Every structure is written in structure tokens, then in C-alpha cells.
Amino acid sequence: MAQQTDPKTRILTLAKVMIALAWTDGEITHEEKECLKDLLFHIPNEGLEAGIQLTAQEWAMLDMYMDSPVGEAERARLVADLQDVIRSSEDRQIVIAYLTQIVKADDDISPEEQKALDAIENAVDDSGTGLMDSLRSLFKGSMSRRSTAVAGAPNREAYFNEFLNNKVYFELKQQLAAKGETLDIPDKELRRMGLAGGLMTRIIKSDQAVTEAEIDTMVDVIQRYWETDRDTAVFIAHVALSSLDQTYDYYRMTRQFGEMTSREERISFLNVLFQVAAADGQATVNEIEEIRLIARGINLSHQDFIAAKLTLPRDRRAE
């Protein structure tokens, strides 16, 4: 019986192959990198169902592959590494499941993508170019579709990345520019505040009701953690609440927050989210589930989520 591969090794190897294939034409644009990161995030998210997480160092290693071109010889080595980690039929099915999850990131699987998936499954044991060609065909379509979806977003000509990744920050800058005003806050911190405000908004609006108590708690959090004056905290909170709703895709925002914060900051923020959720008396089931999804999206474990949840007394959280 073939020995099964370590799950994290399998994830990292597949991610490196994806990056290598993106370098096939010798260039990855900024927009392509963003799309590629989105697709890469679906692999460990799928793996989290089995308790798998990538560390900040492991994500940094993947970034290293994105920073400079991957040549033909290195690309062939990485594909060979992928073949090597598929040691059993179970490994094969898990890799196909990951690939299926990736190409479903934006829509249903097209007939062409299904054909490529079938070819990949059949070519795993092929020592020739069959596997590489099938993988390249699969990711070419997936990356193209992701890029098309992104390019169709509103306001793509100005502040495109801010609009896409951190809409609260985008709205803050737009409103300040319209008023001819500035905030005495470093731009990096304003971006982080925008991300935090957006994720707090996700919790507040998860049960379709926004209360004054929740808004006041959100303002208090912004004022306390970023040491701003009350008027500034109120302004940021109201921009966040007015610019986002439950139809907004929080995926990129969650990812950006995870990239811009340390593990300690993310754990502290998880506690904050529970404070916001319970501001009106009790954290609802919907709010708690949203926090669980955010914890997962910012690369915290289920144990981290439970520890944060237990910071609330039992009578202040729905079970």
C-alpha cells in the first residue's frame, strides 16, 4: 500500500506548480499576481477542513516564487515534485479536489476545465509533458476568468486595487478628497483601519440589524486601538457601515487583513469581533458563524476561534 503524502507538503507543492505555470510567458503582471493569490488561497482554505494551515513563513516562501520568473527547467522539476507527492489513489483524488475547488472560485466548471481535470487525473503517472500541459490548460482558463471578473469591477480606472481589496479605505480616501481634508494617520494604519472596519461591518450586518450599541462599540474599538479622537473614529465607523453590505465579497479584504497583521494582532482582533457581536446583549448564531469564517480566512485555527469565543460569558453568546 502506497504511503500517503503529508497534506501540507501536497498543498505547498501544488501551489508552487501553479505559480510556475503562471510564469510560463516570462511575466506576471500585478493584476495576475492578485488573481493568482486569490486562487492560491482556495487551496489551504479547502485543506482547513482537515485542520491544515499555512504559516506566515510558508506564505512568504510562495511569495518568493512569485517575485522572479520560473524557468522551464525549474518548472519541470516542480511538476515532477507534484507527481512525487501523489503516492496513492487517495492523494490523487485529494489533488483533483483541490484543483476543482480552485477552478470553481468564480463560477461553475466549464466543459474545457472538466476535460483538463480529467486529463490531469489520467496524466499524474505520466513522466512526459502530459501533466504539465494539462495543468497549464486548466490554470490558463481559471486565471483568465478571474482576471475578467476583476476587470469588470466598478471604478477600475482609479484606485483599482484599493477599491478591490479594501473598499472602506477607498471610500475614506474618496470622501476626504471630496472635502479637501486629511487625517493625521499614517497611510498604512489607515489601510489597516479600513480592513478592520470592513470586517466589523460584516459581523454587525450578519443578522440584518444594526443597533446603536454595535455602532458605539465599533467606534470605541477604533478609538482605543488606533488612539484616534472620537470624531475620527465615528467618521471611519460610519464610512465602513455605509460602504459595505452583505452582498460585498469580503474574501480579498479578509486576505489583506491576514497579510498586514501579525498572529498576535489577529488573535486580539478576533476578541474584538466577539465584543462587537455581543454589543447589543448577545452574539447571535449568525454573528458567531461569521467570526468563525473570518478566523479561518485570516489563517487562525479553530482552537484560536474557540478561545476567542470563550472570552464572552455563556449568557452573552448563542449556542
C-alpha atoms as a PDB file:
ATOM      1  CA  MET A   1       0.000   0.000   0.000  1.00  0.00           C
ATOM      2  CA  ALA A   2       1.437   3.378  -1.004  1.00  0.00           C
ATOM      3  CA  GLN A   3       2.285   5.770   1.802  1.00  0.00           C
ATOM      4  CA  GLN A   4       0.124   8.901   1.795  1.00  0.00           C
ATOM      5  CA  THR A   5       1.839  12.264   1.432  1.00  0.00           C
ATOM      6  CA  ASP A   6       1.918  14.801   4.247  1.00  0.00           C
ATOM      7  CA  PRO A   7      -1.080  17.093   3.462  1.00  0.00           C
ATOM      8  CA  LYS A   8       0.814  20.349   3.891  1.00  0.00           C
ATOM      9  CA  THR A   9       3.606  19.195   1.581  1.00  0.00           C
ATOM     10  CA  ARG A  10       0.997  18.348  -1.028  1.00  0.00           C
ATOM     11  CA  ILE A  11      -0.610  21.804  -0.733  1.00  0.00           C
ATOM     12  CA  LEU A  12       2.701  23.672  -0.941  1.00  0.00           C
ATOM     13  CA  THR A  13       3.891  21.618  -3.900  1.00  0.00           C
ATOM     14  CA  LEU A  14       0.678  22.237  -5.837  1.00  0.00           C
ATOM     15  CA  ALA A  15       0.848  25.968  -5.045  1.00  0.00           C
ATOM     16  CA  LYS A  16       4.427  26.188  -6.368  1.00  0.00           C
ATOM     17  CA  VAL A  17       3.367  24.462  -9.584  1.00  0.00           C
ATOM     18  CA  MET A  18       0.525  26.961 -10.024  1.00  0.00           C
ATOM     19  CA  ILE A  19       2.953  29.864  -9.663  1.00  0.00           C
ATOM     20  CA  ALA A  20       5.454  28.253 -12.028  1.00  0.00           C
ATOM     21  CA  LEU A  21       2.762  27.824 -14.686  1.00  0.00           C
ATOM     22  CA  ALA A  22       1.783  31.496 -14.308  1.00  0.00           C
ATOM     23  CA  TRP A  23       5.401  32.384 -15.220  1.00  0.00           C
ATOM     24  CA  THR A  24       5.235  30.395 -18.494  1.00  0.00           C
ATOM     25  CA  ASP A  25       5.291  33.532 -20.670  1.00  0.00           C
ATOM     26  CA  GLY A  26       8.087  35.082 -18.571  1.00  0.00           C
ATOM     27  CA  GLU A  27       5.966  37.727 -16.861  1.00  0.00           C
ATOM     28  CA  ILE A  28       3.311  38.032 -14.173  1.00  0.00           C
ATOM     29  CA  THR A  29       1.565  41.403 -14.028  1.00  0.00           C
ATOM     30  CA  HIS A  30       0.385  42.927 -10.753  1.00  0.00           C
ATOM     31  CA  GLU A  31      -3.216  42.071 -11.627  1.00  0.00           C
ATOM     32  CA  GLU A  32      -2.226  38.486 -12.442  1.00  0.00           C
ATOM     33  CA  LYS A  33      -0.442  38.203  -9.108  1.00  0.00           C
ATOM     34  CA  GLU A  34      -3.582  39.326  -7.298  1.00  0.00           C
ATOM     35  CA  CYS A  35      -5.685  36.801  -9.197  1.00  0.00           C
ATOM     36  CA  LEU A  36      -3.116  34.088  -8.544  1.00  0.00           C
ATOM     37  CA  LYS A  37      -3.123  34.861  -4.817  1.00  0.00           C
ATOM     38  CA  ASP A  38      -6.893  34.562  -4.775  1.00  0.00           C
ATOM     39  CA  LEU A  39      -6.702  31.147  -6.404  1.00  0.00           C
ATOM     40  CA  LEU A  40      -3.892  30.016  -4.095  1.00  0.00           C
ATOM     41  CA  PHE A  41      -5.982  30.933  -1.079  1.00  0.00           C
ATOM     42  CA  HIS A  42      -8.569  28.341  -2.074  1.00  0.00           C
ATOM     43  CA  ILE A  43      -6.089  25.500  -1.543  1.00  0.00           C
ATOM     44  CA  PRO A  44      -5.397  25.915   2.199  1.00  0.00           C
ATOM     45  CA  ASN A  45      -8.974  27.021   2.796  1.00  0.00           C
ATOM     46  CA  GLU A  46     -10.089  23.696   1.378  1.00  0.00           C
ATOM     47  CA  GLY A  47      -7.387  21.999   3.428  1.00  0.00           C
ATOM     48  CA  LEU A  48      -8.616  23.659   6.608  1.00  0.00           C
ATOM     49  CA  GLU A  49     -11.497  21.208   6.576  1.00  0.00           C
ATOM     50  CA  ALA A  50      -8.832  18.705   7.598  1.00  0.00           C
ATOM     51  CA  GLY A  51      -7.177  21.100  10.043  1.00  0.00           C
ATOM     52  CA  ILE A  52      -4.420  22.240   7.650  1.00  0.00           C
ATOM     53  CA  GLN A  53      -2.963  25.748   7.845  1.00  0.00           C
ATOM     54  CA  LEU A  54      -0.084  27.524   6.144  1.00  0.00           C
ATOM     55  CA  THR A  55       2.177  29.621   8.333  1.00  0.00           C
ATOM     56  CA  ALA A  56       3.289  33.167   7.500  1.00  0.00           C
ATOM     57  CA  GLN A  57       6.722  31.743   6.635  1.00  0.00           C
ATOM     58  CA  GLU A  58       5.180  29.263   4.199  1.00  0.00           C
ATOM     59  CA  TRP A  59       3.174  32.033   2.511  1.00  0.00           C
ATOM     60  CA  ALA A  60       6.408  34.047   2.306  1.00  0.00           C
ATOM     61  CA  MET A  61       8.063  31.101   0.543  1.00  0.00           C
ATOM     62  CA  LEU A  62       5.275  31.113  -2.059  1.00  0.00           C
ATOM     63  CA  ASP A  63       5.749  34.879  -2.461  1.00  0.00           C
ATOM     64  CA  MET A  64       9.418  34.171  -3.229  1.00  0.00           C
ATOM     65  CA  TYR A  65       8.342  32.090  -6.233  1.00  0.00           C
ATOM     66  CA  MET A  66       6.124  34.955  -7.404  1.00  0.00           C
ATOM     67  CA  ASP A  67       8.917  37.525  -7.172  1.00  0.00           C
ATOM     68  CA  SER A  68      11.044  36.281 -10.083  1.00  0.00           C
ATOM     69  CA  PRO A  69      10.489  34.165 -13.202  1.00  0.00           C
ATOM     70  CA  VAL A  70      10.419  30.373 -13.000  1.00  0.00           C
ATOM     71  CA  GLY A  71      12.244  28.892 -15.961  1.00  0.00           C
ATOM     72  CA  GLU A  72      11.465  25.748 -17.910  1.00  0.00           C
ATOM     73  CA  ALA A  73      13.890  23.502 -16.010  1.00  0.00           C
ATOM     74  CA  GLU A  74      12.636  24.632 -12.596  1.00  0.00           C
ATOM     75  CA  ARG A  75       9.042  24.349 -13.750  1.00  0.00           C
ATOM     76  CA  ALA A  76       9.661  20.761 -14.870  1.00  0.00           C
ATOM     77  CA  ARG A  77      11.245  19.971 -11.502  1.00  0.00           C
ATOM     78  CA  LEU A  78       8.234  21.357  -9.633  1.00  0.00           C
ATOM     79  CA  VAL A  79       5.820  19.319 -11.767  1.00  0.00           C
ATOM     80  CA  ALA A  80       7.967  16.249 -11.051  1.00  0.00           C
ATOM     81  CA  ASP A  81       7.768  17.099  -7.342  1.00  0.00           C
ATOM     82  CA  LEU A  82       3.989  17.208  -7.646  1.00  0.00           C
ATOM     83  CA  GLN A  83       3.969  13.791  -9.269  1.00  0.00           C
ATOM     84  CA  ASP A  84       6.183  12.521  -6.467  1.00  0.00           C
ATOM     85  CA  VAL A  85       3.790  13.638  -3.705  1.00  0.00           C
ATOM     86  CA  ILE A  86       0.853  11.875  -5.354  1.00  0.00           C
ATOM     87  CA  ARG A  87       1.669   8.448  -3.977  1.00  0.00           C
ATOM     88  CA  SER A  88      -1.738   6.850  -3.737  1.00  0.00           C
ATOM     89  CA  SER A  89      -5.180   6.938  -5.313  1.00  0.00           C
ATOM     90  CA  GLU A  90      -6.323   8.910  -2.268  1.00  0.00           C
ATOM     91  CA  ASP A  91      -3.590  11.506  -2.867  1.00  0.00           C
ATOM     92  CA  ARG A  92      -4.717  11.709  -6.472  1.00  0.00           C
ATOM     93  CA  GLN A  93      -8.336  12.347  -5.514  1.00  0.00           C
ATOM     94  CA  ILE A  94      -7.363  14.974  -2.942  1.00  0.00           C
ATOM     95  CA  VAL A  95      -5.286  16.892  -5.510  1.00  0.00           C
ATOM     96  CA  ILE A  96      -8.137  16.738  -8.025  1.00  0.00           C
ATOM     97  CA  ALA A  97     -10.492  18.005  -5.291  1.00  0.00           C
ATOM     98  CA  TYR A  98      -8.145  20.955  -4.638  1.00  0.00           C
ATOM     99  CA  LEU A  99      -7.916  21.757  -8.342  1.00  0.00           C
ATOM    100  CA  THR A 100     -11.697  21.533  -8.676  1.00  0.00           C
ATOM    101  CA  GLN A 101     -12.119  23.963  -5.773  1.00  0.00           C
ATOM    102  CA  ILE A 102      -9.690  26.395  -7.406  1.00  0.00           C
ATOM    103  CA  VAL A 103     -11.389  26.494 -10.790  1.00  0.00           C
ATOM    104  CA  LYS A 104     -14.794  26.845  -9.124  1.00  0.00           C
ATOM    105  CA  ALA A 105     -13.622  30.037  -7.374  1.00  0.00           C
ATOM    106  CA  ASP A 106     -15.737  32.257  -9.635  1.00  0.00           C
ATOM    107  CA  ASP A 107     -18.224  30.040 -11.419  1.00  0.00           C
ATOM    108  CA  ASP A 108     -19.165  26.508 -12.386  1.00  0.00           C
ATOM    109  CA  ILE A 109     -16.552  24.358 -14.078  1.00  0.00           C
ATOM    110  CA  SER A 110     -16.624  24.731 -17.852  1.00  0.00           C
ATOM    111  CA  PRO A 111     -16.513  21.683 -20.174  1.00  0.00           C
ATOM    112  CA  GLU A 112     -12.947  22.654 -21.137  1.00  0.00           C
ATOM    113  CA  GLU A 113     -11.878  22.784 -17.486  1.00  0.00           C
ATOM    114  CA  GLN A 114     -13.532  19.460 -16.742  1.00  0.00           C
ATOM    115  CA  LYS A 115     -11.658  17.977 -19.708  1.00  0.00           C
ATOM    116  CA  ALA A 116      -8.392  19.376 -18.312  1.00  0.00           C
ATOM    117  CA  LEU A 117      -9.170  17.961 -14.856  1.00  0.00           C
ATOM    118  CA  ASP A 118      -9.824  14.535 -16.367  1.00  0.00           C
ATOM    119  CA  ALA A 119      -6.582  14.745 -18.323  1.00  0.00           C
ATOM    120  CA  ILE A 120      -4.654  15.721 -15.179  1.00  0.00           C
ATOM    121  CA  GLU A 121      -6.058  12.746 -13.303  1.00  0.00           C
ATOM    122  CA  ASN A 122      -5.001  10.446 -16.136  1.00  0.00           C
ATOM    123  CA  ALA A 123      -1.577  12.079 -16.570  1.00  0.00           C
ATOM    124  CA  VAL A 124      -0.407  12.050 -12.947  1.00  0.00           C
ATOM    125  CA  ASP A 125       1.765   8.981 -13.570  1.00  0.00           C
ATOM    126  CA  ASP A 126       2.999  10.238 -16.948  1.00  0.00           C
ATOM    127  CA  SER A 127       6.712  11.035 -16.891  1.00  0.00           C
ATOM    128  CA  GLY A 128       6.394  13.120 -20.043  1.00  0.00           C
ATOM    129  CA  THR A 129       4.779  16.512 -20.627  1.00  0.00           C
ATOM    130  CA  GLY A 130       1.150  15.403 -20.356  1.00  0.00           C
ATOM    131  CA  LEU A 131       0.654  16.531 -16.779  1.00  0.00           C
ATOM    132  CA  MET A 132       2.310  19.921 -17.296  1.00  0.00           C
ATOM    133  CA  ASP A 133       0.317  20.622 -20.459  1.00  0.00           C
ATOM    134  CA  SER A 134      -2.961  19.675 -18.770  1.00  0.00           C
ATOM    135  CA  LEU A 135      -2.209  21.809 -15.715  1.00  0.00           C
ATOM    136  CA  ARG A 136      -1.250  24.750 -17.921  1.00  0.00           C
ATOM    137  CA  SER A 137      -4.512  24.423 -19.839  1.00  0.00           C
ATOM    138  CA  LEU A 138      -6.534  24.323 -16.622  1.00  0.00           C
ATOM    139  CA  PHE A 139      -4.918  27.366 -14.999  1.00  0.00           C
ATOM    140  CA  LYS A 140      -4.899  29.430 -18.178  1.00  0.00           C
ATOM    141  CA  GLY A 141      -8.687  29.341 -18.222  1.00  0.00           C
ATOM    142  CA  SER A 142      -9.036  29.853 -14.479  1.00  0.00           C
ATOM    143  CA  MET A 143      -6.661  32.834 -14.386  1.00  0.00           C
ATOM    144  CA  SER A 144      -8.317  34.378 -17.450  1.00  0.00           C
ATOM    145  CA  ARG A 145     -11.763  34.091 -15.919  1.00  0.00           C
ATOM    146  CA  ARG A 146     -10.570  35.538 -12.610  1.00  0.00           C
ATOM    147  CA  SER A 147      -8.939  38.467 -14.412  1.00  0.00           C
ATOM    148  CA  THR A 148     -12.093  39.134 -16.432  1.00  0.00           C
ATOM    149  CA  ALA A 149     -14.249  39.162 -13.303  1.00  0.00           C
ATOM    150  CA  VAL A 150     -11.872  41.573 -11.578  1.00  0.00           C
ATOM    151  CA  ALA A 151     -11.585  43.868 -14.611  1.00  0.00           C
ATOM    152  CA  GLY A 152     -15.364  44.290 -14.645  1.00  0.00           C
ATOM    153  CA  ALA A 153     -15.431  45.858 -11.189  1.00  0.00           C
ATOM    154  CA  PRO A 154     -16.637  49.484 -10.956  1.00  0.00           C
ATOM    155  CA  ASN A 155     -14.117  52.324 -10.867  1.00  0.00           C
ATOM    156  CA  ARG A 156     -11.348  50.181 -12.303  1.00  0.00           C
ATOM    157  CA  GLU A 157      -9.530  53.190 -13.737  1.00  0.00           C
ATOM    158  CA  ALA A 158      -8.820  54.936 -10.447  1.00  0.00           C
ATOM    159  CA  TYR A 159      -7.696  53.380  -7.180  1.00  0.00           C
ATOM    160  CA  PHE A 160      -8.497  49.979  -8.647  1.00  0.00           C
ATOM    161  CA  ASN A 161      -6.554  47.915  -6.105  1.00  0.00           C
ATOM    162  CA  GLU A 162      -7.918  49.870  -3.162  1.00  0.00           C
ATOM    163  CA  PHE A 163     -11.459  49.518  -4.438  1.00  0.00           C
ATOM    164  CA  LEU A 164     -10.968  45.809  -4.930  1.00  0.00           C
ATOM    165  CA  ASN A 165      -9.058  44.860  -1.794  1.00  0.00           C
ATOM    166  CA  ASN A 166     -10.018  47.437   0.813  1.00  0.00           C
ATOM    167  CA  LYS A 167     -13.212  49.239  -0.087  1.00  0.00           C
ATOM    168  CA  VAL A 168     -13.503  51.055   3.249  1.00  0.00           C
ATOM    169  CA  TYR A 169     -10.050  52.593   2.753  1.00  0.00           C
ATOM    170  CA  PHE A 170     -11.070  53.514  -0.802  1.00  0.00           C
ATOM    171  CA  GLU A 171     -14.250  55.245   0.430  1.00  0.00           C
ATOM    172  CA  LEU A 172     -12.348  57.025   3.202  1.00  0.00           C
ATOM    173  CA  LYS A 173      -9.873  58.455   0.688  1.00  0.00           C
ATOM    174  CA  GLN A 174     -12.663  59.444  -1.699  1.00  0.00           C
ATOM    175  CA  GLN A 175     -14.674  61.256   0.968  1.00  0.00           C
ATOM    176  CA  LEU A 176     -11.631  63.008   2.401  1.00  0.00           C
ATOM    177  CA  ALA A 177     -10.565  64.130  -1.082  1.00  0.00           C
ATOM    178  CA  ALA A 178     -14.057  65.457  -1.802  1.00  0.00           C
ATOM    179  CA  LYS A 179     -13.896  67.537   1.381  1.00  0.00           C
ATOM    180  CA  GLY A 180     -10.288  68.611   0.801  1.00  0.00           C
ATOM    181  CA  GLU A 181      -9.341  67.117   4.176  1.00  0.00           C
ATOM    182  CA  THR A 182      -6.757  64.676   5.503  1.00  0.00           C
ATOM    183  CA  LEU A 183      -6.412  62.557   8.626  1.00  0.00           C
ATOM    184  CA  ASP A 184      -3.336  62.643  10.820  1.00  0.00           C
ATOM    185  CA  ILE A 185      -2.928  58.892  10.447  1.00  0.00           C
ATOM    186  CA  PRO A 186      -0.145  57.086   8.532  1.00  0.00           C
ATOM    187  CA  ASP A 187      -1.463  55.603   5.306  1.00  0.00           C
ATOM    188  CA  LYS A 188      -0.532  52.051   6.326  1.00  0.00           C
ATOM    189  CA  GLU A 189      -2.547  52.379   9.532  1.00  0.00           C
ATOM    190  CA  LEU A 190      -5.481  53.878   7.654  1.00  0.00           C
ATOM    191  CA  ARG A 191      -5.473  50.846   5.386  1.00  0.00           C
ATOM    192  CA  ARG A 192      -5.484  48.526   8.396  1.00  0.00           C
ATOM    193  CA  MET A 193      -8.289  50.519   9.981  1.00  0.00           C
ATOM    194  CA  GLY A 194     -10.259  50.210   6.758  1.00  0.00           C
ATOM    195  CA  LEU A 195      -9.834  46.435   6.734  1.00  0.00           C
ATOM    196  CA  ALA A 196     -10.761  46.149  10.413  1.00  0.00           C
ATOM    197  CA  GLY A 197     -13.771  48.398   9.921  1.00  0.00           C
ATOM    198  CA  GLY A 198     -14.915  46.328   6.974  1.00  0.00           C
ATOM    199  CA  LEU A 199     -14.695  43.064   8.895  1.00  0.00           C
ATOM    200  CA  MET A 200     -16.510  44.557  11.896  1.00  0.00           C
ATOM    201  CA  THR A 201     -19.213  45.683   9.469  1.00  0.00           C
ATOM    202  CA  ARG A 202     -19.516  42.119   8.241  1.00  0.00           C
ATOM    203  CA  ILE A 203     -20.285  40.986  11.798  1.00  0.00           C
ATOM    204  CA  ILE A 204     -22.666  43.839  12.578  1.00  0.00           C
ATOM    205  CA  LYS A 205     -24.696  43.290   9.398  1.00  0.00           C
ATOM    206  CA  SER A 206     -24.711  39.479   9.539  1.00  0.00           C
ATOM    207  CA  ASP A 207     -28.062  39.385  11.363  1.00  0.00           C
ATOM    208  CA  GLN A 208     -29.603  42.106   9.149  1.00  0.00           C
ATOM    209  CA  ALA A 209     -29.961  44.531  12.081  1.00  0.00           C
ATOM    210  CA  VAL A 210     -27.602  47.356  13.037  1.00  0.00           C
ATOM    211  CA  THR A 211     -28.002  48.693  16.577  1.00  0.00           C
ATOM    212  CA  GLU A 212     -26.670  51.830  18.211  1.00  0.00           C
ATOM    213  CA  ALA A 213     -24.874  49.664  20.763  1.00  0.00           C
ATOM    214  CA  GLU A 214     -22.972  47.868  17.988  1.00  0.00           C
ATOM    215  CA  ILE A 215     -22.022  51.147  16.324  1.00  0.00           C
ATOM    216  CA  ASP A 216     -20.862  52.616  19.644  1.00  0.00           C
ATOM    217  CA  THR A 217     -18.729  49.544  20.320  1.00  0.00           C
ATOM    218  CA  MET A 218     -17.205  49.756  16.862  1.00  0.00           C
ATOM    219  CA  VAL A 219     -16.363  53.422  17.418  1.00  0.00           C
ATOM    220  CA  ASP A 220     -14.857  52.605  20.831  1.00  0.00           C
ATOM    221  CA  VAL A 221     -12.702  49.874  19.293  1.00  0.00           C
ATOM    222  CA  ILE A 222     -11.367  52.183  16.565  1.00  0.00           C
ATOM    223  CA  GLN A 223     -10.700  54.961  19.061  1.00  0.00           C
ATOM    224  CA  ARG A 224      -8.985  52.662  21.566  1.00  0.00           C
ATOM    225  CA  TYR A 225      -6.847  50.538  19.252  1.00  0.00           C
ATOM    226  CA  TRP A 226      -5.719  53.318  16.923  1.00  0.00           C
ATOM    227  CA  GLU A 227      -5.686  56.102  19.532  1.00  0.00           C
ATOM    228  CA  THR A 228      -7.787  58.439  17.425  1.00  0.00           C
ATOM    229  CA  ASP A 229     -10.108  61.189  18.583  1.00  0.00           C
ATOM    230  CA  ARG A 230     -13.817  60.420  18.856  1.00  0.00           C
ATOM    231  CA  ASP A 231     -14.846  62.360  15.740  1.00  0.00           C
ATOM    232  CA  THR A 232     -12.330  60.481  13.582  1.00  0.00           C
ATOM    233  CA  ALA A 233     -13.457  57.109  14.973  1.00  0.00           C
ATOM    234  CA  VAL A 234     -17.103  57.993  14.284  1.00  0.00           C
ATOM    235  CA  PHE A 235     -16.236  59.056  10.730  1.00  0.00           C
ATOM    236  CA  ILE A 236     -14.364  55.810   9.993  1.00  0.00           C
ATOM    237  CA  ALA A 237     -17.099  53.650  11.526  1.00  0.00           C
ATOM    238  CA  HIS A 238     -19.862  55.326   9.539  1.00  0.00           C
ATOM    239  CA  VAL A 239     -17.913  55.120   6.275  1.00  0.00           C
ATOM    240  CA  ALA A 240     -17.400  51.389   6.858  1.00  0.00           C
ATOM    241  CA  LEU A 241     -21.044  50.788   7.691  1.00  0.00           C
ATOM    242  CA  SER A 242     -22.332  52.797   4.731  1.00  0.00           C
ATOM    243  CA  SER A 243     -19.965  51.437   2.079  1.00  0.00           C
ATOM    244  CA  LEU A 244     -20.356  47.700   2.678  1.00  0.00           C
ATOM    245  CA  ASP A 245     -23.262  45.292   2.869  1.00  0.00           C
ATOM    246  CA  GLN A 246     -23.693  41.517   2.929  1.00  0.00           C
ATOM    247  CA  THR A 247     -23.541  41.318  -0.876  1.00  0.00           C
ATOM    248  CA  TYR A 248     -19.931  42.558  -0.844  1.00  0.00           C
ATOM    249  CA  ASP A 249     -17.198  39.972  -1.475  1.00  0.00           C
ATOM    250  CA  TYR A 250     -15.178  40.099   1.737  1.00  0.00           C
ATOM    251  CA  TYR A 251     -12.732  37.472   0.504  1.00  0.00           C
ATOM    252  CA  ARG A 252      -9.983  39.837  -0.606  1.00  0.00           C
ATOM    253  CA  MET A 253     -10.487  42.083   2.417  1.00  0.00           C
ATOM    254  CA  THR A 254     -10.037  39.120   4.761  1.00  0.00           C
ATOM    255  CA  ARG A 255      -6.921  38.032   2.919  1.00  0.00           C
ATOM    256  CA  GLN A 256      -5.424  41.536   3.014  1.00  0.00           C
ATOM    257  CA  PHE A 257      -6.042  41.815   6.748  1.00  0.00           C
ATOM    258  CA  GLY A 258      -4.290  38.496   7.275  1.00  0.00           C
ATOM    259  CA  GLU A 259      -1.299  39.665   5.251  1.00  0.00           C
ATOM    260  CA  MET A 260      -0.992  43.028   7.046  1.00  0.00           C
ATOM    261  CA  THR A 261      -1.167  41.781  10.648  1.00  0.00           C
ATOM    262  CA  SER A 262       0.801  39.550  12.972  1.00  0.00           C
ATOM    263  CA  ARG A 263      -0.676  36.441  14.559  1.00  0.00           C
ATOM    264  CA  GLU A 264      -0.951  38.272  17.899  1.00  0.00           C
ATOM    265  CA  GLU A 265      -2.811  41.152  16.248  1.00  0.00           C
ATOM    266  CA  ARG A 266      -5.203  38.757  14.529  1.00  0.00           C
ATOM    267  CA  ILE A 267      -5.967  36.917  17.766  1.00  0.00           C
ATOM    268  CA  SER A 268      -6.581  40.238  19.526  1.00  0.00           C
ATOM    269  CA  PHE A 269      -8.868  41.320  16.674  1.00  0.00           C
ATOM    270  CA  LEU A 270     -10.850  38.089  16.952  1.00  0.00           C
ATOM    271  CA  ASN A 271     -11.631  39.011  20.561  1.00  0.00           C
ATOM    272  CA  VAL A 272     -12.719  42.446  19.335  1.00  0.00           C
ATOM    273  CA  LEU A 273     -15.125  40.886  16.845  1.00  0.00           C
ATOM    274  CA  PHE A 274     -16.826  38.983  19.658  1.00  0.00           C
ATOM    275  CA  GLN A 275     -17.140  42.230  21.650  1.00  0.00           C
ATOM    276  CA  VAL A 276     -18.817  43.861  18.653  1.00  0.00           C
ATOM    277  CA  ALA A 277     -21.098  40.865  18.135  1.00  0.00           C
ATOM    278  CA  ALA A 278     -22.253  40.929  21.760  1.00  0.00           C
ATOM    279  CA  ALA A 279     -22.601  44.710  21.975  1.00  0.00           C
ATOM    280  CA  ASP A 280     -26.398  44.558  21.815  1.00  0.00           C
ATOM    281  CA  GLY A 281     -26.608  41.925  24.537  1.00  0.00           C
ATOM    282  CA  GLN A 282     -25.739  38.625  22.914  1.00  0.00           C
ATOM    283  CA  ALA A 283     -23.695  37.351  19.971  1.00  0.00           C
ATOM    284  CA  THR A 284     -26.129  35.594  17.647  1.00  0.00           C
ATOM    285  CA  VAL A 285     -25.557  32.291  15.887  1.00  0.00           C
ATOM    286  CA  ASN A 286     -25.095  34.124  12.566  1.00  0.00           C
ATOM    287  CA  GLU A 287     -22.554  36.527  14.055  1.00  0.00           C
ATOM    288  CA  ILE A 288     -20.568  33.711  15.646  1.00  0.00           C
ATOM    289  CA  GLU A 289     -20.523  31.801  12.356  1.00  0.00           C
ATOM    290  CA  GLU A 290     -19.273  34.897  10.517  1.00  0.00           C
ATOM    291  CA  ILE A 291     -16.460  35.257  13.059  1.00  0.00           C
ATOM    292  CA  ARG A 292     -15.557  31.610  12.542  1.00  0.00           C
ATOM    293  CA  LEU A 293     -15.268  32.220   8.790  1.00  0.00           C
ATOM    294  CA  ILE A 294     -13.144  35.326   9.344  1.00  0.00           C
ATOM    295  CA  ALA A 295     -10.856  33.409  11.723  1.00  0.00           C
ATOM    296  CA  ARG A 296     -10.399  30.781   9.060  1.00  0.00           C
ATOM    297  CA  GLY A 297      -9.791  33.402   6.354  1.00  0.00           C
ATOM    298  CA  ILE A 298      -7.059  35.179   8.351  1.00  0.00           C
ATOM    299  CA  ASN A 299      -5.255  31.892   8.973  1.00  0.00           C
ATOM    300  CA  LEU A 300      -6.199  31.318  12.603  1.00  0.00           C
ATOM    301  CA  SER A 301      -7.035  27.861  13.887  1.00  0.00           C
ATOM    302  CA  HIS A 302     -10.336  26.535  15.161  1.00  0.00           C
ATOM    303  CA  GLN A 303      -8.742  26.482  18.607  1.00  0.00           C
ATOM    304  CA  ASP A 304      -7.991  30.219  18.292  1.00  0.00           C
ATOM    305  CA  PHE A 305     -11.637  30.791  17.355  1.00  0.00           C
ATOM    306  CA  ILE A 306     -12.903  28.795  20.358  1.00  0.00           C
ATOM    307  CA  ALA A 307     -10.548  30.630  22.725  1.00  0.00           C
ATOM    308  CA  ALA A 308     -11.861  33.992  21.485  1.00  0.00           C
ATOM    309  CA  LYS A 309     -15.441  32.793  21.709  1.00  0.00           C
ATOM    310  CA  LEU A 310     -14.936  31.805  25.352  1.00  0.00           C
ATOM    311  CA  THR A 311     -13.930  35.376  26.212  1.00  0.00           C
ATOM    312  CA  LEU A 312     -17.669  36.041  26.190  1.00  0.00           C
ATOM    313  CA  PRO A 313     -19.673  34.744  29.161  1.00  0.00           C
ATOM    314  CA  ARG A 314     -22.052  31.950  28.209  1.00  0.00           C
ATOM    315  CA  ASP A 315     -25.134  34.145  28.637  1.00  0.00           C
ATOM    316  CA  ARG A 316     -23.765  36.606  26.052  1.00  0.00           C
ATOM    317  CA  ARG A 317     -23.383  34.100  23.217  1.00  0.00           C
ATOM    318  CA  ALA A 318     -25.993  31.982  21.476  1.00  0.00           C
ATOM    319  CA  GLU A 319     -25.247  28.269  21.388  1.00  0.00           C
END
